[in-house]
Amino acid sequence: MKISLDQTACIGCGLCVQISPENFALDEGKGTAKVVKAETEDESAREAESSCPVGCIRVE
């Protein structure tokens, strides 16, 4: 699966980091989340996608 995140839409709530810390981290400088592992087989990435309050995560 490939993970992408629209940082312009991200509000930095950190939910994705809590759900899937191996795939996401908070970018302290920007105040938004970032993808740390763009390709994964970890299903928690899909949970992070569906839990994002602004829908800025895509897992394909």
N, C-alpha and C. Protein backbone atom coordinates (compact mmCIF):
# COMPACT_ATOMS: atom_id res chain seq x y z
N MET A 1 0.84 -1.17 0.00
CA MET A 1 0.00 0.00 0.00
C MET A 1 0.89 1.24 0.00
N LYS A 2 0.44 2.26 -0.70
CA LYS A 2 1.15 3.53 -0.71
C LYS A 2 0.38 4.55 0.11
N ILE A 3 1.11 5.30 0.92
CA ILE A 3 0.49 6.31 1.79
C ILE A 3 0.88 7.70 1.31
N SER A 4 -0.11 8.58 1.25
CA SER A 4 0.17 9.99 0.96
C SER A 4 -0.65 10.83 1.94
N LEU A 5 -0.17 12.04 2.17
CA LEU A 5 -0.82 12.94 3.12
C LEU A 5 -0.74 14.36 2.58
N ASP A 6 -1.85 15.04 2.53
CA ASP A 6 -1.92 16.42 2.08
C ASP A 6 -1.63 17.33 3.27
N GLN A 7 -0.39 17.80 3.38
CA GLN A 7 -0.01 18.63 4.52
C GLN A 7 -0.72 19.98 4.54
N THR A 8 -1.20 20.43 3.41
CA THR A 8 -1.91 21.71 3.39
C THR A 8 -3.29 21.58 4.04
N ALA A 9 -3.85 20.38 4.04
CA ALA A 9 -5.16 20.14 4.66
C ALA A 9 -5.04 19.65 6.10
N CYS A 10 -3.88 19.13 6.47
CA CYS A 10 -3.67 18.56 7.80
C CYS A 10 -3.77 19.63 8.89
N ILE A 11 -4.48 19.28 9.97
CA ILE A 11 -4.62 20.22 11.10
C ILE A 11 -3.70 19.84 12.26
N GLY A 12 -2.92 18.79 12.11
CA GLY A 12 -1.94 18.41 13.12
C GLY A 12 -2.53 17.84 14.40
N CYS A 13 -3.67 17.17 14.30
CA CYS A 13 -4.32 16.62 15.50
C CYS A 13 -3.53 15.46 16.10
N GLY A 14 -2.75 14.75 15.27
CA GLY A 14 -1.90 13.67 15.75
C GLY A 14 -2.58 12.31 15.87
N LEU A 15 -3.83 12.21 15.46
CA LEU A 15 -4.53 10.95 15.55
C LEU A 15 -3.85 9.86 14.72
N CYS A 16 -3.37 10.20 13.55
CA CYS A 16 -2.69 9.22 12.70
C CYS A 16 -1.43 8.68 13.37
N VAL A 17 -0.73 9.56 14.08
CA VAL A 17 0.49 9.15 14.78
C VAL A 17 0.14 8.19 15.92
N GLN A 18 -0.94 8.45 16.62
CA GLN A 18 -1.37 7.56 17.70
C GLN A 18 -1.79 6.20 17.17
N ILE A 19 -2.48 6.18 16.04
CA ILE A 19 -2.99 4.94 15.46
C ILE A 19 -1.90 4.15 14.74
N SER A 20 -1.02 4.85 14.04
CA SER A 20 -0.03 4.19 13.18
C SER A 20 1.34 4.88 13.28
N PRO A 21 1.98 4.79 14.44
CA PRO A 21 3.26 5.50 14.64
C PRO A 21 4.40 5.04 13.74
N GLU A 22 4.29 3.83 13.19
CA GLU A 22 5.35 3.35 12.30
C GLU A 22 5.25 3.98 10.91
N ASN A 23 4.11 4.62 10.61
CA ASN A 23 3.90 5.22 9.30
C ASN A 23 3.80 6.75 9.32
N PHE A 24 3.48 7.32 10.47
CA PHE A 24 3.28 8.77 10.57
C PHE A 24 4.04 9.35 11.76
N ALA A 25 4.40 10.62 11.64
CA ALA A 25 5.03 11.37 12.73
C ALA A 25 4.56 12.81 12.63
N LEU A 26 4.69 13.54 13.72
CA LEU A 26 4.36 14.96 13.68
C LEU A 26 5.60 15.75 13.27
N ASP A 27 5.42 16.66 12.36
CA ASP A 27 6.48 17.57 11.93
C ASP A 27 6.37 18.80 12.83
N GLU A 28 7.19 18.84 13.85
CA GLU A 28 7.11 19.91 14.85
C GLU A 28 7.28 21.30 14.23
N GLY A 29 8.10 21.41 13.22
CA GLY A 29 8.33 22.70 12.57
C GLY A 29 7.12 23.24 11.84
N LYS A 30 6.36 22.34 11.23
CA LYS A 30 5.19 22.75 10.45
C LYS A 30 3.88 22.62 11.23
N GLY A 31 3.91 21.85 12.31
CA GLY A 31 2.69 21.64 13.08
C GLY A 31 1.69 20.73 12.40
N THR A 32 2.18 19.89 11.51
CA THR A 32 1.32 18.94 10.79
C THR A 32 1.94 17.55 10.86
N ALA A 33 1.18 16.57 10.43
CA ALA A 33 1.70 15.21 10.36
C ALA A 33 2.51 15.04 9.08
N LYS A 34 3.33 14.00 9.07
CA LYS A 34 4.09 13.65 7.87
C LYS A 34 4.15 12.14 7.78
N VAL A 35 4.32 11.65 6.58
CA VAL A 35 4.47 10.22 6.33
C VAL A 35 5.94 9.86 6.53
N VAL A 36 6.21 8.85 7.34
CA VAL A 36 7.59 8.42 7.54
C VAL A 36 7.89 7.10 6.81
N LYS A 37 6.83 6.43 6.39
CA LYS A 37 6.99 5.18 5.64
C LYS A 37 5.95 5.18 4.53
N ALA A 38 6.36 5.57 3.34
CA ALA A 38 5.43 5.77 2.22
C ALA A 38 4.83 4.49 1.67
N GLU A 39 5.48 3.36 1.88
CA GLU A 39 4.94 2.09 1.43
C GLU A 39 4.93 1.13 2.61
N THR A 40 3.78 0.49 2.82
CA THR A 40 3.64 -0.39 3.98
C THR A 40 2.62 -1.48 3.71
N GLU A 41 2.68 -2.52 4.49
CA GLU A 41 1.65 -3.56 4.48
C GLU A 41 0.86 -3.50 5.78
N ASP A 42 1.17 -2.53 6.62
CA ASP A 42 0.55 -2.37 7.93
C ASP A 42 -0.87 -1.83 7.80
N GLU A 43 -1.84 -2.62 8.26
CA GLU A 43 -3.25 -2.23 8.14
C GLU A 43 -3.61 -1.01 9.00
N SER A 44 -2.76 -0.66 9.96
CA SER A 44 -3.07 0.52 10.79
C SER A 44 -3.06 1.79 9.94
N ALA A 45 -2.40 1.76 8.80
CA ALA A 45 -2.41 2.93 7.90
C ALA A 45 -3.82 3.18 7.38
N ARG A 46 -4.55 2.13 7.08
CA ARG A 46 -5.94 2.27 6.63
C ARG A 46 -6.83 2.81 7.75
N GLU A 47 -6.58 2.37 8.96
CA GLU A 47 -7.34 2.88 10.11
C GLU A 47 -7.07 4.37 10.30
N ALA A 48 -5.80 4.76 10.13
CA ALA A 48 -5.46 6.19 10.24
C ALA A 48 -6.16 6.99 9.15
N GLU A 49 -6.23 6.44 7.95
CA GLU A 49 -6.92 7.11 6.85
C GLU A 49 -8.40 7.34 7.19
N SER A 50 -9.05 6.32 7.68
CA SER A 50 -10.48 6.45 7.96
C SER A 50 -10.76 7.27 9.20
N SER A 51 -9.78 7.44 10.07
CA SER A 51 -9.95 8.20 11.31
C SER A 51 -9.58 9.67 11.19
N CYS A 52 -8.92 10.04 10.12
CA CYS A 52 -8.48 11.43 9.96
C CYS A 52 -9.68 12.37 9.90
N PRO A 53 -9.75 13.36 10.80
CA PRO A 53 -10.92 14.24 10.83
C PRO A 53 -11.08 15.14 9.61
N VAL A 54 -10.00 15.38 8.88
CA VAL A 54 -10.09 16.24 7.70
C VAL A 54 -9.88 15.47 6.39
N GLY A 55 -9.69 14.17 6.48
CA GLY A 55 -9.57 13.33 5.28
C GLY A 55 -8.37 13.63 4.41
N CYS A 56 -7.24 13.96 5.03
CA CYS A 56 -6.08 14.33 4.22
C CYS A 56 -5.12 13.16 3.96
N ILE A 57 -5.46 11.96 4.45
CA ILE A 57 -4.62 10.78 4.25
C ILE A 57 -5.23 9.90 3.17
N ARG A 58 -4.37 9.40 2.28
CA ARG A 58 -4.81 8.45 1.24
C ARG A 58 -3.92 7.23 1.33
N VAL A 59 -4.56 6.06 1.34
CA VAL A 59 -3.84 4.78 1.33
C VAL A 59 -4.37 4.01 0.13
N GLU A 60 -3.49 3.69 -0.78
CA GLU A 60 -3.89 2.99 -2.01
C GLU A 60 -3.09 1.74 -2.21
